[in-house]
Amino acid sequence: MSTERIVRIVAGSFILLTLSLGVEASPVFVSKYFLFFTAFVGLNLFQSGFTQICPLNSILAKCGIKNGSC
């Protein structure tokens, strides 16, 4: 599995998790402040689309996982 696929899986998982913890209608609601983390992940994905710089991609590459664009 390439780093690109791992980044997408991790980002999607974090977004779904933090949405479920941050939206009041969710049965597992904890706090609305989890939505800040959702926004952070989304903003990071947005900027990496323009700059091709992705922190998780760099970390995975250092761990020896086959490189792919973020």
PDB file of N, CA and C in Angstrom:
ATOM      1  N   MET A   1       0.843  -1.165   0.000  1.00  0.00           N
ATOM      2  CA  MET A   1       0.000   0.000   0.000  1.00  0.00           C
ATOM      3  C   MET A   1       0.895   1.237   0.000  1.00  0.00           C
ATOM      4  N   SER A   2       0.572   2.204  -0.838  1.00  0.00           N
ATOM      5  CA  SER A   2       1.397   3.406  -0.940  1.00  0.00           C
ATOM      6  C   SER A   2       1.037   4.405   0.157  1.00  0.00           C
ATOM      7  N   THR A   3       1.914   5.372   0.341  1.00  0.00           N
ATOM      8  CA  THR A   3       1.672   6.392   1.353  1.00  0.00           C
ATOM      9  C   THR A   3       0.428   7.211   1.019  1.00  0.00           C
ATOM     10  N   GLU A   4       0.170   7.401  -0.268  1.00  0.00           N
ATOM     11  CA  GLU A   4      -1.008   8.175  -0.672  1.00  0.00           C
ATOM     12  C   GLU A   4      -2.293   7.522  -0.163  1.00  0.00           C
ATOM     13  N   ARG A   5      -2.398   6.214  -0.313  1.00  0.00           N
ATOM     14  CA  ARG A   5      -3.591   5.511   0.156  1.00  0.00           C
ATOM     15  C   ARG A   5      -3.690   5.546   1.674  1.00  0.00           C
ATOM     16  N   ILE A   6      -2.557   5.391   2.354  1.00  0.00           N
ATOM     17  CA  ILE A   6      -2.563   5.419   3.823  1.00  0.00           C
ATOM     18  C   ILE A   6      -2.990   6.797   4.320  1.00  0.00           C
ATOM     19  N   VAL A   7      -2.482   7.859   3.693  1.00  0.00           N
ATOM     20  CA  VAL A   7      -2.847   9.216   4.087  1.00  0.00           C
ATOM     21  C   VAL A   7      -4.351   9.422   3.922  1.00  0.00           C
ATOM     22  N   ARG A   8      -4.906   8.954   2.827  1.00  0.00           N
ATOM     23  CA  ARG A   8      -6.350   9.116   2.601  1.00  0.00           C
ATOM     24  C   ARG A   8      -7.167   8.327   3.617  1.00  0.00           C
ATOM     25  N   ILE A   9      -6.725   7.130   3.930  1.00  0.00           N
ATOM     26  CA  ILE A   9      -7.436   6.303   4.918  1.00  0.00           C
ATOM     27  C   ILE A   9      -7.378   6.945   6.300  1.00  0.00           C
ATOM     28  N   VAL A  10      -6.201   7.405   6.707  1.00  0.00           N
ATOM     29  CA  VAL A  10      -6.040   8.026   8.028  1.00  0.00           C
ATOM     30  C   VAL A  10      -6.847   9.326   8.107  1.00  0.00           C
ATOM     31  N   ALA A  11      -6.771  10.159   7.072  1.00  0.00           N
ATOM     32  CA  ALA A  11      -7.509  11.423   7.080  1.00  0.00           C
ATOM     33  C   ALA A  11      -9.018  11.175   7.129  1.00  0.00           C
ATOM     34  N   GLY A  12      -9.495  10.258   6.324  1.00  0.00           N
ATOM     35  CA  GLY A  12     -10.918   9.941   6.334  1.00  0.00           C
ATOM     36  C   GLY A  12     -11.370   9.390   7.670  1.00  0.00           C
ATOM     37  N   SER A  13     -10.554   8.542   8.269  1.00  0.00           N
ATOM     38  CA  SER A  13     -10.894   7.980   9.578  1.00  0.00           C
ATOM     39  C   SER A  13     -10.946   9.055  10.654  1.00  0.00           C
ATOM     40  N   PHE A  14      -9.955   9.957  10.652  1.00  0.00           N
ATOM     41  CA  PHE A  14      -9.948  11.034  11.633  1.00  0.00           C
ATOM     42  C   PHE A  14     -11.151  11.955  11.457  1.00  0.00           C
ATOM     43  N   ILE A  15     -11.500  12.265  10.222  1.00  0.00           N
ATOM     44  CA  ILE A  15     -12.635  13.141   9.979  1.00  0.00           C
ATOM     45  C   ILE A  15     -13.924  12.490  10.465  1.00  0.00           C
ATOM     46  N   LEU A  16     -14.137  11.223  10.123  1.00  0.00           N
ATOM     47  CA  LEU A  16     -15.347  10.540  10.572  1.00  0.00           C
ATOM     48  C   LEU A  16     -15.400  10.417  12.096  1.00  0.00           C
ATOM     49  N   LEU A  17     -14.264  10.097  12.704  1.00  0.00           N
ATOM     50  CA  LEU A  17     -14.216   9.961  14.156  1.00  0.00           C
ATOM     51  C   LEU A  17     -14.510  11.279  14.857  1.00  0.00           C
ATOM     52  N   THR A  18     -13.841  12.349  14.422  1.00  0.00           N
ATOM     53  CA  THR A  18     -14.034  13.627  15.100  1.00  0.00           C
ATOM     54  C   THR A  18     -15.411  14.221  14.819  1.00  0.00           C
ATOM     55  N   LEU A  19     -15.990  13.939  13.658  1.00  0.00           N
ATOM     56  CA  LEU A  19     -17.360  14.375  13.411  1.00  0.00           C
ATOM     57  C   LEU A  19     -18.332  13.657  14.338  1.00  0.00           C
ATOM     58  N   SER A  20     -18.115  12.357  14.515  1.00  0.00           N
ATOM     59  CA  SER A  20     -19.014  11.618  15.398  1.00  0.00           C
ATOM     60  C   SER A  20     -18.865  12.065  16.851  1.00  0.00           C
ATOM     61  N   LEU A  21     -17.691  12.521  17.244  1.00  0.00           N
ATOM     62  CA  LEU A  21     -17.482  13.001  18.608  1.00  0.00           C
ATOM     63  C   LEU A  21     -17.863  14.464  18.798  1.00  0.00           C
ATOM     64  N   GLY A  22     -17.978  15.219  17.702  1.00  0.00           N
ATOM     65  CA  GLY A  22     -18.194  16.657  17.816  1.00  0.00           C
ATOM     66  C   GLY A  22     -19.569  17.162  17.428  1.00  0.00           C
ATOM     67  N   VAL A  23     -20.384  16.334  16.782  1.00  0.00           N
ATOM     68  CA  VAL A  23     -21.721  16.772  16.368  1.00  0.00           C
ATOM     69  C   VAL A  23     -22.728  16.365  17.432  1.00  0.00           C
ATOM     70  N   GLU A  24     -23.501  17.317  17.893  1.00  0.00           N
ATOM     71  CA  GLU A  24     -24.414  17.074  19.017  1.00  0.00           C
ATOM     72  C   GLU A  24     -25.462  16.008  18.725  1.00  0.00           C
ATOM     73  N   ALA A  25     -25.823  15.800  17.479  1.00  0.00           N
ATOM     74  CA  ALA A  25     -26.837  14.799  17.138  1.00  0.00           C
ATOM     75  C   ALA A  25     -26.278  13.376  17.187  1.00  0.00           C
ATOM     76  N   SER A  26     -24.975  13.235  17.321  1.00  0.00           N
ATOM     77  CA  SER A  26     -24.338  11.917  17.340  1.00  0.00           C
ATOM     78  C   SER A  26     -24.569  11.223  18.682  1.00  0.00           C
ATOM     79  N   PRO A  27     -24.778   9.908  18.661  1.00  0.00           N
ATOM     80  CA  PRO A  27     -24.961   9.185  19.929  1.00  0.00           C
ATOM     81  C   PRO A  27     -23.692   9.105  20.780  1.00  0.00           C
ATOM     82  N   VAL A  28     -22.525   9.369  20.194  1.00  0.00           N
ATOM     83  CA  VAL A  28     -21.265   9.334  20.948  1.00  0.00           C
ATOM     84  C   VAL A  28     -20.684  10.741  21.137  1.00  0.00           C
ATOM     85  N   PHE A  29     -21.542  11.751  21.105  1.00  0.00           N
ATOM     86  CA  PHE A  29     -21.107  13.148  21.252  1.00  0.00           C
ATOM     87  C   PHE A  29     -20.330  13.344  22.551  1.00  0.00           C
ATOM     88  N   VAL A  30     -19.198  14.044  22.450  1.00  0.00           N
ATOM     89  CA  VAL A  30     -18.385  14.375  23.615  1.00  0.00           C
ATOM     90  C   VAL A  30     -18.306  15.890  23.783  1.00  0.00           C
ATOM     91  N   SER A  31     -17.815  16.579  22.748  1.00  0.00           N
ATOM     92  CA  SER A  31     -17.657  18.025  22.821  1.00  0.00           C
ATOM     93  C   SER A  31     -17.628  18.603  21.411  1.00  0.00           C
ATOM     94  N   LYS A  32     -18.167  19.803  21.275  1.00  0.00           N
ATOM     95  CA  LYS A  32     -18.151  20.456  19.965  1.00  0.00           C
ATOM     96  C   LYS A  32     -16.733  20.843  19.538  1.00  0.00           C
ATOM     97  N   TYR A  33     -15.791  20.837  20.464  1.00  0.00           N
ATOM     98  CA  TYR A  33     -14.419  21.227  20.146  1.00  0.00           C
ATOM     99  C   TYR A  33     -13.682  20.180  19.311  1.00  0.00           C
ATOM    100  N   PHE A  34     -14.236  18.992  19.187  1.00  0.00           N
ATOM    101  CA  PHE A  34     -13.644  18.011  18.282  1.00  0.00           C
ATOM    102  C   PHE A  34     -13.741  18.469  16.831  1.00  0.00           C
ATOM    103  N   LEU A  35     -14.640  19.383  16.547  1.00  0.00           N
ATOM    104  CA  LEU A  35     -14.786  19.890  15.181  1.00  0.00           C
ATOM    105  C   LEU A  35     -13.574  20.723  14.753  1.00  0.00           C
ATOM    106  N   PHE A  36     -12.831  21.266  15.722  1.00  0.00           N
ATOM    107  CA  PHE A  36     -11.601  21.976  15.372  1.00  0.00           C
ATOM    108  C   PHE A  36     -10.586  21.013  14.752  1.00  0.00           C
ATOM    109  N   PHE A  37     -10.520  19.797  15.277  1.00  0.00           N
ATOM    110  CA  PHE A  37      -9.599  18.807  14.708  1.00  0.00           C
ATOM    111  C   PHE A  37     -10.051  18.404  13.309  1.00  0.00           C
ATOM    112  N   THR A  38     -11.360  18.306  13.107  1.00  0.00           N
ATOM    113  CA  THR A  38     -11.894  18.014  11.775  1.00  0.00           C
ATOM    114  C   THR A  38     -11.463  19.098  10.795  1.00  0.00           C
ATOM    115  N   ALA A  39     -11.586  20.351  11.204  1.00  0.00           N
ATOM    116  CA  ALA A  39     -11.182  21.470  10.355  1.00  0.00           C
ATOM    117  C   ALA A  39      -9.684  21.448  10.083  1.00  0.00           C
ATOM    118  N   PHE A  40      -8.884  21.091  11.074  1.00  0.00           N
ATOM    119  CA  PHE A  40      -7.436  21.011  10.894  1.00  0.00           C
ATOM    120  C   PHE A  40      -7.064  19.968   9.839  1.00  0.00           C
ATOM    121  N   VAL A  41      -7.686  18.796   9.900  1.00  0.00           N
ATOM    122  CA  VAL A  41      -7.401  17.737   8.927  1.00  0.00           C
ATOM    123  C   VAL A  41      -7.818  18.193   7.529  1.00  0.00           C
ATOM    124  N   GLY A  42      -8.994  18.792   7.423  1.00  0.00           N
ATOM    125  CA  GLY A  42      -9.457  19.279   6.135  1.00  0.00           C
ATOM    126  C   GLY A  42      -8.550  20.357   5.564  1.00  0.00           C
ATOM    127  N   LEU A  43      -8.114  21.274   6.400  1.00  0.00           N
ATOM    128  CA  LEU A  43      -7.208  22.333   5.960  1.00  0.00           C
ATOM    129  C   LEU A  43      -5.869  21.761   5.514  1.00  0.00           C
ATOM    130  N   ASN A  44      -5.372  20.766   6.229  1.00  0.00           N
ATOM    131  CA  ASN A  44      -4.117  20.133   5.852  1.00  0.00           C
ATOM    132  C   ASN A  44      -4.247  19.433   4.499  1.00  0.00           C
ATOM    133  N   LEU A  45      -5.352  18.749   4.264  1.00  0.00           N
ATOM    134  CA  LEU A  45      -5.584  18.110   2.968  1.00  0.00           C
ATOM    135  C   LEU A  45      -5.663  19.152   1.853  1.00  0.00           C
ATOM    136  N   PHE A  46      -6.328  20.261   2.142  1.00  0.00           N
ATOM    137  CA  PHE A  46      -6.469  21.336   1.160  1.00  0.00           C
ATOM    138  C   PHE A  46      -5.118  21.915   0.768  1.00  0.00           C
ATOM    139  N   GLN A  47      -4.296  22.245   1.765  1.00  0.00           N
ATOM    140  CA  GLN A  47      -2.996  22.842   1.452  1.00  0.00           C
ATOM    141  C   GLN A  47      -2.070  21.850   0.777  1.00  0.00           C
ATOM    142  N   SER A  48      -2.161  20.561   1.128  1.00  0.00           N
ATOM    143  CA  SER A  48      -1.273  19.579   0.493  1.00  0.00           C
ATOM    144  C   SER A  48      -1.640  19.366  -0.968  1.00  0.00           C
ATOM    145  N   GLY A  49      -2.881  19.656  -1.328  1.00  0.00           N
ATOM    146  CA  GLY A  49      -3.274  19.581  -2.734  1.00  0.00           C
ATOM    147  C   GLY A  49      -2.568  20.625  -3.581  1.00  0.00           C
ATOM    148  N   PHE A  50      -2.259  21.773  -2.994  1.00  0.00           N
ATOM    149  CA  PHE A  50      -1.579  22.834  -3.722  1.00  0.00           C
ATOM    150  C   PHE A  50      -0.062  22.752  -3.612  1.00  0.00           C
ATOM    151  N   THR A  51       0.434  22.398  -2.428  1.00  0.00           N
ATOM    152  CA  THR A  51       1.877  22.476  -2.187  1.00  0.00           C
ATOM    153  C   THR A  51       2.596  21.142  -2.317  1.00  0.00           C
ATOM    154  N   GLN A  52       1.854  20.022  -2.349  1.00  0.00           N
ATOM    155  CA  GLN A  52       2.432  18.679  -2.365  1.00  0.00           C
ATOM    156  C   GLN A  52       3.277  18.403  -1.125  1.00  0.00           C
ATOM    157  N   ILE A  53       3.021  19.139  -0.032  1.00  0.00           N
ATOM    158  CA  ILE A  53       3.701  18.915   1.240  1.00  0.00           C
ATOM    159  C   ILE A  53       2.686  18.336   2.218  1.00  0.00           C
ATOM    160  N   CYS A  54       2.973  17.135   2.709  1.00  0.00           N
ATOM    161  CA  CYS A  54       2.061  16.463   3.622  1.00  0.00           C
ATOM    162  C   CYS A  54       2.886  15.852   4.762  1.00  0.00           C
ATOM    163  N   PRO A  55       2.667  16.293   5.997  1.00  0.00           N
ATOM    164  CA  PRO A  55       3.461  15.781   7.107  1.00  0.00           C
ATOM    165  C   PRO A  55       3.362  14.267   7.283  1.00  0.00           C
ATOM    166  N   LEU A  56       2.167  13.707   7.178  1.00  0.00           N
ATOM    167  CA  LEU A  56       2.015  12.265   7.341  1.00  0.00           C
ATOM    168  C   LEU A  56       2.727  11.508   6.231  1.00  0.00           C
ATOM    169  N   ASN A  57       2.716  12.038   5.024  1.00  0.00           N
ATOM    170  CA  ASN A  57       3.428  11.403   3.916  1.00  0.00           C
ATOM    171  C   ASN A  57       4.926  11.351   4.203  1.00  0.00           C
ATOM    172  N   SER A  58       5.458  12.422   4.769  1.00  0.00           N
ATOM    173  CA  SER A  58       6.884  12.458   5.115  1.00  0.00           C
ATOM    174  C   SER A  58       7.212  11.444   6.206  1.00  0.00           C
ATOM    175  N   ILE A  59       6.346  11.341   7.207  1.00  0.00           N
ATOM    176  CA  ILE A  59       6.564  10.389   8.299  1.00  0.00           C
ATOM    177  C   ILE A  59       6.530   8.961   7.780  1.00  0.00           C
ATOM    178  N   LEU A  60       5.562   8.657   6.926  1.00  0.00           N
ATOM    179  CA  LEU A  60       5.452   7.307   6.379  1.00  0.00           C
ATOM    180  C   LEU A  60       6.642   6.960   5.487  1.00  0.00           C
ATOM    181  N   ALA A  61       7.135   7.935   4.731  1.00  0.00           N
ATOM    182  CA  ALA A  61       8.304   7.703   3.882  1.00  0.00           C
ATOM    183  C   ALA A  61       9.538   7.389   4.734  1.00  0.00           C
ATOM    184  N   LYS A  62       9.696   8.066   5.868  1.00  0.00           N
ATOM    185  CA  LYS A  62      10.823   7.800   6.760  1.00  0.00           C
ATOM    186  C   LYS A  62      10.715   6.419   7.401  1.00  0.00           C
ATOM    187  N   CYS A  63       9.476   5.919   7.510  1.00  0.00           N
ATOM    188  CA  CYS A  63       9.263   4.565   8.064  1.00  0.00           C
ATOM    189  C   CYS A  63       9.494   3.487   7.020  1.00  0.00           C
ATOM    190  N   GLY A  64       9.793   3.882   5.801  1.00  0.00           N
ATOM    191  CA  GLY A  64      10.118   2.928   4.750  1.00  0.00           C
ATOM    192  C   GLY A  64       8.954   2.462   3.905  1.00  0.00           C
ATOM    193  N   ILE A  65       7.822   3.126   3.994  1.00  0.00           N
ATOM    194  CA  ILE A  65       6.671   2.757   3.180  1.00  0.00           C
ATOM    195  C   ILE A  65       6.819   3.385   1.813  1.00  0.00           C
ATOM    196  N   LYS A  66       6.445   2.633   0.770  1.00  0.00           N
ATOM    197  CA  LYS A  66       6.595   3.073  -0.610  1.00  0.00           C
ATOM    198  C   LYS A  66       5.958   4.445  -0.795  1.00  0.00           C
ATOM    199  N   ASN A  67       6.697   5.377  -1.361  1.00  0.00           N
ATOM    200  CA  ASN A  67       6.259   6.746  -1.500  1.00  0.00           C
ATOM    201  C   ASN A  67       5.252   6.909  -2.621  1.00  0.00           C
ATOM    202  N   GLY A  68       4.278   7.749  -2.365  1.00  0.00           N
ATOM    203  CA  GLY A  68       3.291   8.171  -3.356  1.00  0.00           C
ATOM    204  C   GLY A  68       2.970   9.610  -3.066  1.00  0.00           C
ATOM    205  N   SER A  69       2.394  10.321  -4.016  1.00  0.00           N
ATOM    206  CA  SER A  69       2.083  11.731  -3.752  1.00  0.00           C
ATOM    207  C   SER A  69       0.926  11.819  -2.776  1.00  0.00           C
ATOM    208  N   CYS A  70       0.933  12.861  -1.974  1.00  0.00           N
ATOM    209  CA  CYS A  70      -0.064  13.035  -0.922  1.00  0.00           C
ATOM    210  C   CYS A  70      -1.326  13.549  -1.460  1.00  0.00           C
TER     211      CYS A  70
END
